[in-house]
Amino acid sequence: MNTLFVSDLDGTLLTKDERVSDYSREHLNTLIARGMQFTYATARSVGSARRALQGLNISLPAVYYNGGLIYDTSSRRTLRYSCFDDALKAYVLSVLKEYGILPFVYSATEQREIVAWLAGKESFGMRRYLERRQGDARLFSAVSEGELLAGYVFYFKCIGPKEQIERAWNVLKYDPRVICIFHQEMYQNDFWMEISPHEATKANAVAYLKTLLGCDRLVCFGDTSNDSDMFDVCDEKYAVKNADDWLKEKATAVIGYCEEDGVAKWLDANAFRG
């Protein structure tokens, strides 16, 4: 069968050092060269994913921002964006402000992609996030809410203590107009909340890629809440051993740890079966 394999990145394909191991890189490149159709679906941006996957020869389009963007790195072409309308992006910001949260706002104009925040309002977690991205051309320090919400907004990222983020999540998660994902940051103690338009899901994105690439079977790999809807639409879904227990219950099977090349080893054994 013509199968598309899709992996989450952080906590699934990547190690705790936010990279692909030498073993995974070598073995996946060999499988891709043999004809395996392999790509990824991540909460990361295009640039962040590219840095983490350096040396991995993926030529297929991939899913970014949990489904907010589908981008073809080979042709450098955006295939699909899912954006908030003006009223909804203003409403989301108003709810966040009510709980003392000021987010990173991801948007695009005709000229560039932007990651904006309100100058002087950075939380500790936001400052750490910015320090790790010094020199990123997308960064924009806004001086007003109008600047913060300018352009085609497709993603909000909130970083902070669990109790604060969870209170806002308990409001927004019931709004059918948005997808609201709440989880602990993979490499720190902070909690993150990621908010996208309701159609911007990994599930919708991988289904789109399946049709676009003419595949008749989807197999995915994941570890946490932002992979849950993707599991729902795939023919087979595999949770790494370090995944959340409830996601393991949804999985076809549990494979090895992300730190032990679980995805690459499973593909070595199964990518070309039957």
Protein backbone atom coordinates (compact mmCIF):
# COMPACT_ATOMS: atom_id res chain seq x y z
CA MET A 1 0.00 0.00 0.00
CA ASN A 2 1.04 3.60 -0.60
CA THR A 3 1.70 4.75 2.97
CA LEU A 4 2.49 8.18 4.35
CA PHE A 5 4.42 8.09 7.65
CA VAL A 6 4.09 11.20 9.83
CA SER A 7 5.98 11.83 13.07
CA ASP A 8 5.64 14.42 15.77
CA LEU A 9 9.02 15.99 16.63
CA ASP A 10 9.56 17.00 20.28
CA GLY A 11 9.35 14.01 22.59
CA THR A 12 8.85 11.65 19.65
CA LEU A 13 11.47 11.87 16.90
CA LEU A 14 13.79 14.37 18.62
CA THR A 15 15.99 13.71 21.63
CA LYS A 16 15.98 15.89 24.77
CA ASP A 17 18.73 17.92 23.07
CA GLU A 18 16.12 18.97 20.46
CA ARG A 19 17.86 17.15 17.62
CA VAL A 20 17.67 13.99 15.56
CA SER A 21 20.19 11.43 16.77
CA ASP A 22 22.92 10.23 14.42
CA TYR A 23 21.32 6.78 14.37
CA SER A 24 17.87 8.09 13.44
CA ARG A 25 19.27 10.43 10.81
CA GLU A 26 21.28 7.69 9.11
CA HIS A 27 18.53 5.08 9.17
CA LEU A 28 15.71 7.43 8.14
CA ASN A 29 17.77 8.82 5.26
CA THR A 30 18.38 5.25 4.05
CA LEU A 31 14.66 4.46 4.19
CA ILE A 32 13.72 7.72 2.46
CA ALA A 33 16.25 6.99 -0.29
CA ARG A 34 14.56 3.60 -0.77
CA GLY A 35 11.22 5.37 -1.32
CA MET A 36 9.60 5.66 2.11
CA GLN A 37 7.24 8.64 2.23
CA PHE A 38 8.05 10.34 5.51
CA THR A 39 7.26 13.76 6.94
CA TYR A 40 6.41 15.40 10.26
CA ALA A 41 3.68 17.32 12.08
CA THR A 42 4.91 19.66 14.78
CA ALA A 43 4.05 22.67 16.92
CA ARG A 44 7.35 24.20 15.77
CA SER A 45 7.84 26.87 13.12
CA VAL A 46 9.48 26.13 9.77
CA GLY A 47 12.83 27.53 10.88
CA SER A 48 12.82 25.82 14.26
CA ALA A 49 11.99 22.45 12.71
CA ARG A 50 14.66 22.90 10.04
CA ARG A 51 17.34 23.50 12.65
CA ALA A 52 16.28 20.48 14.71
CA LEU A 53 16.18 18.20 11.64
CA GLN A 54 19.48 19.29 10.11
CA GLY A 55 20.85 16.55 7.86
CA LEU A 56 17.56 14.66 7.56
CA ASN A 57 16.58 14.42 3.89
CA ILE A 58 12.84 15.12 4.03
CA SER A 59 11.50 16.50 0.75
CA LEU A 60 7.76 16.21 1.38
CA PRO A 61 5.58 19.06 2.66
CA ALA A 62 5.23 19.15 6.45
CA VAL A 63 2.82 20.41 9.11
CA TYR A 64 3.77 23.29 11.41
CA TYR A 65 2.10 25.12 14.32
CA ASN A 66 -0.04 22.04 15.12
CA GLY A 67 -1.77 22.30 11.75
CA GLY A 68 -1.86 26.08 11.34
CA LEU A 69 0.55 25.93 8.41
CA ILE A 70 1.36 23.36 5.75
CA TYR A 71 4.58 24.28 3.99
CA ASP A 72 6.66 22.71 1.24
CA THR A 73 10.31 23.34 2.09
CA SER A 74 11.47 21.98 -1.29
CA SER A 75 9.53 24.54 -3.33
CA ARG A 76 9.48 27.10 -0.48
CA ARG A 77 5.75 27.40 -0.95
CA THR A 78 2.93 27.73 1.58
CA LEU A 79 0.23 25.20 0.77
CA ARG A 80 -2.29 26.21 3.44
CA TYR A 81 -2.73 28.67 6.31
CA SER A 82 -5.63 28.66 8.80
CA CYS A 83 -6.22 32.14 10.26
CA PHE A 84 -8.40 33.78 12.93
CA ASP A 85 -10.91 36.40 11.81
CA ASP A 86 -10.59 39.84 13.40
CA ALA A 87 -13.34 39.32 15.97
CA LEU A 88 -12.06 35.94 17.13
CA LYS A 89 -8.42 36.97 17.55
CA ALA A 90 -9.53 39.99 19.60
CA TYR A 91 -11.75 37.75 21.75
CA VAL A 92 -8.94 35.26 22.43
CA LEU A 93 -6.64 38.07 23.53
CA SER A 94 -9.35 39.47 25.83
CA VAL A 95 -9.76 36.11 27.58
CA LEU A 96 -6.02 35.75 28.05
CA LYS A 97 -5.73 39.27 29.48
CA GLU A 98 -8.51 38.48 31.96
CA TYR A 99 -6.21 35.84 33.47
CA GLY A 100 -3.09 38.00 33.31
CA ILE A 101 -1.65 36.22 30.29
CA LEU A 102 0.01 38.07 27.43
CA PRO A 103 0.86 35.67 24.60
CA PHE A 104 3.17 35.36 21.68
CA VAL A 105 1.06 36.00 18.58
CA TYR A 106 2.07 34.32 15.32
CA SER A 107 0.94 36.02 12.14
CA ALA A 108 1.85 36.65 8.52
CA THR A 109 1.71 39.60 6.15
CA GLU A 110 2.37 39.63 2.42
CA GLN A 111 6.03 40.33 3.20
CA ARG A 112 6.94 38.22 6.22
CA GLU A 113 6.05 35.90 9.07
CA ILE A 114 5.88 37.53 12.53
CA VAL A 115 6.11 36.41 16.15
CA ALA A 116 4.90 39.38 18.21
CA TRP A 117 4.55 40.14 21.91
CA LEU A 118 3.88 43.24 23.95
CA ALA A 119 7.13 44.98 24.85
CA GLY A 120 7.89 45.06 28.57
CA LYS A 121 5.22 42.45 29.41
CA GLU A 122 7.35 39.34 29.12
CA SER A 123 6.96 36.57 31.68
CA PHE A 124 9.99 34.58 32.84
CA GLY A 125 9.09 31.77 30.45
CA MET A 126 8.66 34.21 27.57
CA ARG A 127 12.08 35.74 28.23
CA ARG A 128 13.68 32.30 28.15
CA TYR A 129 11.84 31.55 24.90
CA LEU A 130 13.17 34.78 23.37
CA GLU A 131 16.72 34.18 24.58
CA ARG A 132 16.77 30.86 22.75
CA ARG A 133 15.69 32.59 19.53
CA GLN A 134 18.00 35.57 19.39
CA GLY A 135 18.47 36.69 15.80
CA ASP A 136 15.16 35.18 14.62
CA ALA A 137 13.93 37.56 11.90
CA ARG A 138 10.30 36.87 12.79
CA LEU A 139 10.52 38.47 16.25
CA PHE A 140 8.62 41.73 16.66
CA SER A 141 8.24 43.69 19.91
CA ALA A 142 4.80 45.34 19.66
CA VAL A 143 3.94 48.54 21.49
CA SER A 144 0.14 48.23 21.24
CA GLU A 145 -2.53 45.57 20.98
CA GLY A 146 -3.21 46.78 17.44
CA GLU A 147 0.36 45.93 16.46
CA LEU A 148 0.18 42.65 18.38
CA LEU A 149 -2.84 41.45 16.40
CA ALA A 150 -1.88 42.89 13.00
CA GLY A 151 -1.81 40.71 9.90
CA TYR A 152 -3.16 37.21 9.41
CA VAL A 153 -3.00 35.71 12.91
CA PHE A 154 -2.94 31.92 12.97
CA TYR A 155 -1.51 30.93 16.36
CA PHE A 156 -1.28 32.08 19.99
CA LYS A 157 1.37 30.65 22.32
CA CYS A 158 1.09 31.23 26.09
CA ILE A 159 3.88 30.32 28.53
CA GLY A 160 3.58 30.45 32.30
CA PRO A 161 2.80 28.69 35.58
CA LYS A 162 0.37 25.78 35.45
CA GLU A 163 -2.36 27.37 37.58
CA GLN A 164 -2.51 30.59 35.57
CA ILE A 165 -2.47 28.94 32.15
CA GLU A 166 -4.94 26.25 33.20
CA ARG A 167 -7.57 28.81 34.28
CA ALA A 168 -7.65 30.34 30.80
CA TRP A 169 -7.59 26.90 29.21
CA ASN A 170 -10.68 25.91 31.18
CA VAL A 171 -12.54 28.75 29.43
CA LEU A 172 -11.17 28.51 25.90
CA LYS A 173 -11.23 24.71 25.59
CA TYR A 174 -15.05 24.81 25.42
CA ASP A 175 -15.17 27.35 22.60
CA PRO A 176 -15.94 25.45 19.36
CA ARG A 177 -14.24 28.13 17.28
CA VAL A 178 -10.75 27.29 18.56
CA ILE A 179 -8.42 24.39 19.25
CA CYS A 180 -6.80 24.92 22.65
CA ILE A 181 -3.95 22.61 23.71
CA PHE A 182 -2.54 22.70 27.25
CA HIS A 183 0.61 20.81 28.24
CA GLN A 184 3.86 21.05 30.12
CA GLU A 185 6.75 22.48 28.13
CA MET A 186 8.90 19.58 26.97
CA TYR A 187 12.24 20.80 28.31
CA GLN A 188 11.24 23.11 31.22
CA ASN A 189 8.81 23.36 34.16
CA ASP A 190 6.55 25.95 32.52
CA PHE A 191 3.20 25.08 30.99
CA TRP A 192 2.18 26.07 27.48
CA MET A 193 -1.18 26.75 25.92
CA GLU A 194 -1.40 26.80 22.14
CA ILE A 195 -4.50 28.25 20.49
CA SER A 196 -5.42 27.86 16.83
CA PRO A 197 -8.55 28.26 14.67
CA HIS A 198 -10.79 25.18 14.93
CA GLU A 199 -9.82 23.87 11.50
CA ALA A 200 -6.07 24.11 12.25
CA THR A 201 -5.42 20.61 13.57
CA LYS A 202 -2.82 18.00 12.90
CA ALA A 203 -5.69 15.69 11.93
CA ASN A 204 -6.93 17.99 9.17
CA ALA A 205 -3.39 18.70 8.02
CA VAL A 206 -2.25 15.08 7.67
CA ALA A 207 -5.53 14.17 5.94
CA TYR A 208 -4.82 17.00 3.48
CA LEU A 209 -1.30 15.67 2.86
CA LYS A 210 -2.63 12.14 2.38
CA THR A 211 -4.88 13.39 -0.45
CA LEU A 212 -2.26 15.74 -1.87
CA LEU A 213 0.36 13.00 -2.10
CA GLY A 214 -2.05 10.34 -3.35
CA CYS A 215 -1.53 8.01 -0.39
CA ASP A 216 -4.08 5.46 0.75
CA ARG A 217 -2.76 4.81 4.26
CA LEU A 218 -1.60 7.02 7.14
CA VAL A 219 0.72 5.91 9.95
CA CYS A 220 1.75 8.37 12.67
CA PHE A 221 3.91 8.64 15.78
CA GLY A 222 3.39 10.87 18.82
CA ASP A 223 3.75 11.45 22.53
CA THR A 224 1.29 13.99 23.95
CA SER A 225 -1.92 16.03 23.69
CA ASN A 226 -1.17 17.84 20.44
CA ASP A 227 -0.94 14.44 18.72
CA SER A 228 -4.31 13.16 19.93
CA ASP A 229 -6.47 14.32 17.02
CA MET A 230 -3.85 13.06 14.54
CA PHE A 231 -4.14 9.61 16.14
CA ASP A 232 -7.90 9.73 15.49
CA VAL A 233 -7.53 9.89 11.70
CA CYS A 234 -4.57 7.57 11.10
CA ASP A 235 -4.84 3.94 10.11
CA GLU A 236 -2.08 3.03 12.54
CA LYS A 237 -0.77 5.21 15.36
CA TYR A 238 2.22 4.53 17.58
CA ALA A 239 3.04 6.14 20.92
CA VAL A 240 6.65 6.30 22.06
CA LYS A 241 7.36 4.74 25.44
CA ASN A 242 7.72 8.17 27.08
CA ALA A 243 4.26 9.27 25.84
CA ASP A 244 1.35 10.22 28.07
CA ASP A 245 -0.42 7.12 29.36
CA TRP A 246 -3.81 8.15 27.96
CA LEU A 247 -2.29 8.54 24.47
CA LYS A 248 -0.79 5.07 24.73
CA GLU A 249 -4.34 3.78 25.23
CA LYS A 250 -5.33 5.27 21.86
CA ALA A 251 -2.30 3.82 20.09
CA THR A 252 -2.10 0.76 17.88
CA ALA A 253 1.00 -0.12 19.90
CA VAL A 254 3.73 1.44 22.06
CA ILE A 255 7.23 1.63 20.58
CA GLY A 256 10.64 2.59 22.03
CA TYR A 257 11.63 5.79 23.80
CA CYS A 258 12.39 8.95 21.83
CA GLU A 259 15.87 8.90 23.40
CA GLU A 260 16.40 5.38 22.05
CA ASP A 261 15.37 6.02 18.41
CA GLY A 262 11.97 4.41 18.80
CA VAL A 263 10.51 5.83 15.58
CA ALA A 264 13.52 5.01 13.40
CA LYS A 265 13.80 1.47 14.78
CA TRP A 266 10.09 0.81 14.20
CA LEU A 267 10.38 2.09 10.62
CA ASP A 268 13.49 -0.02 10.05
CA ALA A 269 11.45 -3.09 10.88
CA ASN A 270 8.09 -2.13 9.36
CA ALA A 271 8.24 0.61 6.69
CA PHE A 272 8.30 -1.82 3.77
CA ARG A 273 6.35 -4.73 5.21
CA GLY A 274 3.62 -6.33 3.10
